[in-house]
Protein backbone atom coordinates (compact mmCIF):
# COMPACT_ATOMS: atom_id res chain seq x y z
CA MET A 1 -205.96 -24.39 17.90
CA ARG A 2 -206.78 -21.62 15.64
CA ARG A 3 -204.19 -21.09 12.93
CA ILE A 4 -203.11 -17.51 12.07
CA LEU A 5 -202.25 -17.04 8.41
CA PRO A 6 -199.38 -14.64 7.72
CA PHE A 7 -200.14 -11.45 5.89
CA VAL A 8 -198.46 -11.09 2.53
CA LEU A 9 -196.98 -7.68 2.06
CA CYS A 10 -197.25 -6.35 -1.44
CA CYS A 11 -194.87 -3.76 -2.83
CA VAL A 12 -196.79 -0.84 -4.11
CA CYS A 13 -195.04 1.54 -6.46
CA VAL A 14 -195.79 5.10 -5.48
CA ALA A 15 -195.35 7.73 -8.15
CA GLN A 16 -192.89 10.48 -7.20
CA ALA A 17 -194.56 13.83 -6.44
CA PRO A 18 -194.15 16.45 -9.20
CA LYS A 19 -191.64 19.25 -8.55
CA PRO A 20 -191.22 22.79 -9.89
CA VAL A 21 -188.30 23.48 -12.24
CA LEU A 22 -187.09 27.01 -13.07
CA SER A 23 -185.57 27.29 -16.55
CA PHE A 24 -184.23 30.21 -18.61
CA THR A 25 -183.94 30.38 -22.39
CA LYS A 26 -180.49 31.96 -21.87
CA ALA A 27 -178.48 32.84 -18.78
CA HIS A 28 -176.01 35.31 -20.32
CA HIS A 29 -176.37 38.30 -22.62
CA ASP A 30 -173.72 40.37 -24.40
CA PHE A 31 -174.67 44.01 -25.04
CA GLY A 32 -171.57 44.53 -27.16
CA LYS A 33 -170.15 48.06 -27.37
CA ILE A 34 -172.17 50.78 -25.65
CA SER A 35 -171.43 54.45 -24.97
CA VAL A 36 -170.88 55.59 -21.41
CA ASP A 37 -174.09 57.66 -21.42
CA ARG A 38 -176.40 54.94 -22.76
CA LYS A 39 -178.52 52.83 -20.44
CA VAL A 40 -179.30 49.37 -21.80
CA SER A 41 -181.67 46.58 -20.75
CA TYR A 42 -182.41 42.96 -21.57
CA ARG A 43 -185.27 40.64 -20.63
CA PHE A 44 -184.42 37.12 -19.48
CA LYS A 45 -187.35 34.73 -20.05
CA ALA A 46 -188.09 32.40 -17.11
CA THR A 47 -190.36 29.33 -17.45
CA ASN A 48 -191.62 26.75 -14.96
CA THR A 49 -190.85 23.54 -16.86
CA GLY A 50 -191.71 21.32 -13.88
CA GLY A 51 -194.96 19.66 -12.87
CA ALA A 52 -195.73 21.75 -9.76
CA PRO A 53 -196.23 25.48 -9.08
CA LEU A 54 -193.03 27.53 -8.72
CA GLN A 55 -192.39 30.56 -6.52
CA ILE A 56 -189.66 33.10 -7.45
CA LYS A 57 -188.63 34.34 -4.03
CA GLN A 58 -186.02 37.03 -4.67
CA VAL A 59 -183.80 38.67 -7.31
CA VAL A 60 -180.40 39.85 -6.02
CA PRO A 61 -178.51 42.07 -8.51
CA SER A 62 -174.82 42.92 -8.30
CA CYS A 63 -173.61 46.53 -8.23
CA GLY A 64 -174.20 48.54 -11.37
CA CYS A 65 -177.51 47.05 -12.49
CA THR A 66 -181.16 47.02 -11.49
CA TYR A 67 -183.97 44.61 -12.33
CA THR A 68 -187.71 44.60 -12.96
CA LEU A 69 -189.89 41.49 -12.83
CA VAL A 70 -192.13 41.79 -15.88
CA GLY A 71 -194.98 39.47 -15.01
CA GLN A 72 -195.57 37.42 -11.89
CA TRP A 73 -193.59 35.79 -9.10
CA TYR A 74 -195.81 32.67 -8.99
CA LEU A 75 -195.71 30.38 -12.02
CA LYS A 76 -197.94 27.39 -12.73
CA PRO A 77 -196.43 24.51 -14.72
CA GLY A 78 -195.72 25.74 -18.24
CA GLU A 79 -196.12 29.44 -17.38
CA SER A 80 -193.44 32.02 -18.12
CA THR A 81 -192.38 35.48 -16.95
CA GLU A 82 -189.56 37.89 -17.75
CA ILE A 83 -186.86 39.50 -15.62
CA GLU A 84 -185.57 42.72 -17.14
CA ALA A 85 -182.00 43.73 -16.23
CA THR A 86 -181.08 47.39 -16.72
CA PHE A 87 -177.44 48.51 -16.80
CA ASN A 88 -176.23 52.11 -16.35
CA PRO A 89 -172.58 52.39 -17.55
CA ALA A 90 -172.03 55.94 -16.22
CA GLY A 91 -168.54 56.23 -14.73
CA MET A 92 -167.39 52.89 -16.18
CA ARG A 93 -165.02 52.04 -18.99
CA GLY A 94 -163.84 48.95 -20.84
CA MET A 95 -165.19 45.42 -20.41
CA VAL A 96 -167.79 45.20 -17.65
CA ARG A 97 -169.44 42.01 -16.39
CA LYS A 98 -172.41 42.00 -14.02
CA SER A 99 -174.73 39.35 -12.64
CA MET A 100 -177.88 38.73 -10.63
CA GLN A 101 -179.04 35.74 -8.63
CA ILE A 102 -182.57 34.34 -8.96
CA LEU A 103 -183.82 32.58 -5.81
CA SER A 104 -186.78 30.22 -6.08
CA ASP A 105 -188.31 27.10 -4.48
CA ASP A 106 -186.90 24.88 -7.24
CA PRO A 107 -185.68 21.95 -5.07
CA VAL A 108 -182.74 21.17 -7.37
CA ASN A 109 -181.54 24.63 -8.41
CA SER A 110 -182.76 27.05 -5.79
CA THR A 111 -180.29 29.73 -6.98
CA ILE A 112 -179.66 30.50 -10.65
CA THR A 113 -177.16 33.16 -11.76
CA LEU A 114 -177.92 35.36 -14.76
CA SER A 115 -175.18 37.57 -16.19
CA PHE A 116 -174.43 40.10 -18.89
CA GLU A 117 -171.41 41.92 -20.25
CA ALA A 118 -170.71 45.08 -22.20
CA GLU A 119 -167.76 47.01 -23.55
CA VAL A 120 -168.24 50.57 -22.33
CA ILE A 121 -166.69 53.11 -24.66
CA GLN A 122 -166.36 56.88 -24.55
CA GLU A 123 -166.28 59.24 -27.47
CA ILE A 124 -162.69 59.94 -26.43
CA MET A 125 -160.85 57.43 -24.25
CA PRO A 126 -157.68 58.73 -22.51
CA SER A 127 -155.02 56.12 -21.82
CA THR A 128 -154.73 57.52 -18.29
CA THR A 129 -156.18 60.30 -16.17
CA ALA A 130 -153.10 60.63 -13.94
CA LEU A 131 -149.42 61.24 -14.70
CA PHE A 132 -146.59 60.79 -12.21
CA PHE A 133 -143.19 62.49 -12.41
CA ASP A 134 -140.76 61.14 -9.80
CA GLU A 135 -137.15 62.05 -9.02
CA VAL A 136 -137.13 64.85 -11.60
CA LEU A 137 -133.83 66.74 -11.88
CA ARG A 138 -134.19 70.50 -11.88
CA ASN A 139 -131.91 70.93 -14.88
CA THR A 140 -133.30 67.99 -16.91
CA PRO A 141 -136.92 68.23 -18.14
CA GLN A 142 -138.97 65.03 -18.02
CA LYS A 143 -141.67 63.90 -20.46
CA ALA A 144 -144.79 61.73 -20.24
CA THR A 145 -147.55 60.97 -22.74
CA VAL A 146 -151.32 60.53 -22.78
CA ARG A 147 -153.04 58.90 -25.74
CA LEU A 148 -156.56 60.07 -26.56
CA GLU A 149 -158.14 57.14 -28.37
CA SER A 150 -161.19 57.54 -30.57
CA GLY A 151 -164.14 55.57 -29.24
CA ASN A 152 -166.69 56.43 -31.92
CA GLY A 153 -164.62 55.95 -35.05
CA GLN A 154 -164.21 59.69 -35.63
CA PRO A 155 -160.82 61.47 -35.48
CA VAL A 156 -160.02 63.09 -32.13
CA GLN A 157 -159.28 66.80 -32.36
CA VAL A 158 -157.41 68.66 -29.60
CA LEU A 159 -157.61 72.44 -29.51
CA ASP A 160 -155.13 73.11 -26.69
CA ALA A 161 -153.74 71.71 -23.44
CA LYS A 162 -152.91 73.89 -20.43
CA ALA A 163 -152.19 73.62 -16.70
CA PRO A 164 -153.25 76.96 -15.14
CA GLY A 165 -150.92 78.19 -12.41
CA ALA A 166 -148.17 75.72 -13.36
CA PRO A 167 -145.68 77.43 -15.71
CA TYR A 168 -143.35 74.45 -15.37
CA LEU A 169 -145.88 72.20 -17.17
CA SER A 170 -146.39 72.41 -20.93
CA ALA A 171 -147.99 70.14 -23.51
CA THR A 172 -147.77 69.48 -27.23
CA PHE A 173 -149.96 67.15 -29.25
CA ARG A 174 -149.93 65.28 -32.54
CA SER A 175 -152.35 63.08 -34.46
CA GLU A 176 -151.75 59.37 -34.96
CA GLY A 177 -154.50 57.99 -37.17
CA GLN A 178 -157.80 58.75 -35.42
CA ASP A 179 -156.06 59.21 -32.06
CA VAL A 180 -154.11 62.09 -30.56
CA VAL A 181 -150.94 61.74 -28.50
CA VAL A 182 -150.43 64.49 -25.92
CA GLU A 183 -146.84 64.93 -24.72
CA VAL A 184 -146.54 66.57 -21.31
CA LEU A 185 -143.26 68.20 -20.26
CA LEU A 186 -142.23 69.04 -16.69
CA ASP A 187 -139.40 71.57 -16.58
CA GLY A 188 -137.83 71.58 -13.11
CA ARG A 189 -135.95 74.81 -13.87
CA LYS A 190 -139.26 76.68 -13.79
CA VAL A 191 -140.37 75.24 -10.43
CA PRO A 192 -140.00 77.81 -7.59
CA SER A 193 -136.83 77.16 -5.59
CA LYS A 194 -138.59 76.19 -2.35
CA HIS A 195 -140.99 73.76 -3.99
CA PHE A 196 -140.11 70.10 -4.46
CA SER A 197 -143.45 68.36 -5.02
CA GLY A 198 -147.00 69.14 -6.02
CA VAL A 199 -150.22 68.16 -7.79
CA ASP A 200 -151.57 70.08 -10.78
CA VAL A 201 -154.39 69.60 -13.27
CA LEU A 202 -153.82 69.62 -17.02
CA GLY A 203 -156.92 70.49 -19.05
CA ILE A 204 -157.01 69.12 -22.61
CA ARG A 205 -159.61 70.98 -24.64
CA THR A 206 -161.24 69.11 -27.57
CA ASN A 207 -163.92 69.84 -30.16
CA SER A 208 -166.21 67.16 -28.68
CA GLU A 209 -169.57 68.35 -27.38
CA ARG A 210 -169.80 65.47 -24.90
CA MET A 211 -166.19 65.68 -23.72
CA PRO A 212 -165.08 69.28 -24.30
CA ILE A 213 -162.36 69.13 -21.62
CA ILE A 214 -160.41 66.08 -20.42
CA TYR A 215 -158.68 66.60 -17.08
CA ILE A 216 -155.38 64.89 -16.28
CA ASN A 217 -153.99 64.97 -12.73
CA VAL A 218 -150.24 65.54 -12.70
CA GLN A 219 -148.30 64.57 -9.56
CA TRP A 220 -144.63 65.46 -9.48
CA ALA A 221 -141.62 65.39 -7.18
CA LEU A 222 -138.18 66.85 -7.81
CA ARG A 223 -135.05 65.08 -6.72
CA PRO A 224 -133.52 67.21 -3.96
CA SER A 225 -130.16 68.81 -4.68
CA VAL A 226 -128.87 67.88 -1.25
CA THR A 227 -129.74 64.58 0.39
CA ALA A 228 -129.13 63.37 3.94
CA MET A 229 -127.93 60.00 5.18
CA PRO A 230 -129.72 58.78 7.15
CA ALA A 231 -132.88 60.51 6.01
CA ARG A 232 -134.29 60.22 9.54
CA LEU A 233 -132.68 59.91 12.97
CA ALA A 234 -134.23 57.62 15.56
CA TRP A 235 -133.18 56.40 19.02
CA VAL A 236 -134.63 53.89 21.45
CA GLU A 237 -132.53 54.22 24.60
CA ALA A 238 -132.63 54.68 28.35
CA ALA A 239 -133.10 58.25 29.54
CA GLY A 240 -130.30 60.11 31.28
CA LYS A 241 -127.46 59.84 28.75
CA GLU A 242 -126.42 61.94 25.79
CA LEU A 243 -127.26 60.48 22.37
CA ARG A 244 -125.24 61.41 19.27
CA ALA A 245 -125.62 60.61 15.57
CA THR A 246 -123.66 61.59 12.46
CA LEU A 247 -125.61 63.18 9.61
CA THR A 248 -123.96 63.21 6.18
CA LEU A 249 -125.19 65.66 3.53
CA LYS A 250 -124.28 65.22 -0.15
CA HIS A 251 -124.94 67.32 -3.24
CA ALA A 252 -126.48 65.29 -6.08
CA ASP A 253 -124.38 67.07 -8.74
CA GLY A 254 -121.20 67.21 -6.65
CA LYS A 255 -121.41 70.98 -6.24
CA PRO A 256 -119.97 72.60 -3.09
CA PHE A 257 -122.48 74.03 -0.64
CA ARG A 258 -122.59 75.31 2.91
CA VAL A 259 -124.85 74.62 5.89
CA LEU A 260 -125.56 78.11 7.16
CA SER A 261 -127.60 77.32 10.25
CA SER A 262 -129.83 74.77 11.99
CA GLN A 263 -133.11 75.15 13.85
CA PRO A 264 -134.29 72.20 16.02
CA THR A 265 -137.91 72.12 17.18
CA HIS A 266 -136.94 70.94 20.71
CA PRO A 267 -134.42 72.57 23.09
CA SER A 268 -132.85 69.19 23.94
CA ILE A 269 -131.68 68.74 20.33
CA ARG A 270 -128.44 70.36 19.23
CA VAL A 271 -126.65 70.35 15.85
CA GLU A 272 -122.87 70.71 15.51
CA GLY A 273 -120.89 71.38 12.34
CA SER A 274 -122.81 74.10 10.51
CA GLY A 275 -120.91 77.10 9.15
CA LYS A 276 -118.02 75.11 7.65
CA ALA A 277 -116.41 75.93 4.30
CA ALA A 278 -118.30 74.97 1.15
CA ALA A 279 -117.93 71.34 0.10
CA ALA A 280 -119.85 68.73 -1.94
CA GLN A 281 -120.26 66.73 1.30
CA GLN A 282 -120.90 68.00 4.80
CA GLU A 283 -121.00 66.11 8.11
CA LEU A 284 -123.06 67.24 11.08
CA ILE A 285 -123.46 65.82 14.57
CA VAL A 286 -127.00 65.74 15.97
CA THR A 287 -127.16 65.42 19.77
CA LEU A 288 -130.03 64.68 22.13
CA SER A 289 -129.21 66.04 25.58
CA ALA A 290 -128.85 63.79 28.63
CA GLN A 291 -131.33 66.15 30.29
CA ALA A 292 -134.15 64.91 28.04
CA LYS A 293 -136.80 63.19 30.14
CA ALA A 294 -138.26 59.75 29.55
CA GLY A 295 -140.99 59.68 26.90
CA SER A 296 -141.54 59.83 23.14
CA TYR A 297 -140.13 62.58 20.92
CA ASN A 298 -141.17 63.36 17.34
CA GLU A 299 -139.22 66.42 16.31
CA ARG A 300 -137.39 67.86 13.33
CA VAL A 301 -134.34 69.90 12.45
CA VAL A 302 -134.53 72.52 9.68
CA LEU A 303 -131.17 73.14 8.02
CA THR A 304 -130.57 76.35 6.07
CA LEU A 305 -128.35 75.86 3.00
CA ASP A 306 -126.78 78.25 0.53
CA ASP A 307 -127.84 76.08 -2.42
CA PRO A 308 -130.12 78.20 -4.65
CA ASP A 309 -132.24 75.21 -5.69
CA GLN A 310 -132.65 73.91 -2.13
CA PRO A 311 -132.38 76.60 0.53
CA GLU A 312 -133.75 74.31 3.27
CA LEU A 313 -133.52 70.65 4.25
CA GLU A 314 -135.72 69.11 6.93
CA ILE A 315 -134.58 66.13 9.01
CA ARG A 316 -136.99 64.13 11.18
CA VAL A 317 -135.72 63.23 14.66
CA SER A 318 -137.51 60.59 16.77
CA ALA A 319 -136.64 59.12 20.15
CA VAL A 320 -138.18 56.80 22.72
CA LEU A 321 -136.48 57.24 26.08
CA ARG A 322 -137.23 54.65 28.73
């Protein structure tokens, strides 16, 4: 018989195939302080430190920056290129951080994030561009302040501050070091009697060529002299029956007043109790007629008062009749 000799298997060490490796000399850059009108750029150096060719597939920037590939997308081992990031700070302020993602065929790190930061400064930096005055009493002026901070190391100079068409708004200003503090005053006594809220624009004029006028939006609301409880009437009931609710009116300063008349926006709504003697508190009865048909109602009642600061008071009336 013929004898078959077994084959001896030998282990052969196979060298691992070379791979591309994308490396950057730095992955983050700090621009420091920059003015709002100054575009800046930085070049990130990319090198293929692997043993096989590398392909940069895509650069995905975040909002606020653009990029330019200075060189080539395909890198042989040892070759380098640069990716230039350009940042436009227009419309921004304070610390800003942006990034971009570099996608390649590096098998280990297929996505590398590059980033940069900058502190965007203006020649004059207002502490706010909007002021809010809430629950202002007509007979008690209310104040608010805006600080104009120097962003270039030079003293801020304010020439004047005005709100055209708003005689109830005034402003004074004073220097504090290199900054200026603008104090805005809302005088409710100068607001027309039928006005209780509004939005105005205060223009602060400076000696800066780049920022000659700084605009501040001013939103305000006066506390009404007479308030209603509840502030809104609402029913969810079956149709075919009369609905009644008590409405209590109070004067904020405890002054006597009268309800002269009422004007509902729907014929099914009736108000009882107007025309009584003057008092600091008045009670009215609001009625929705049993004749009202099924459906949804969104109406209002306008009350005429003899209060000089608040000649009218509007009450919302809602109902869902099944």
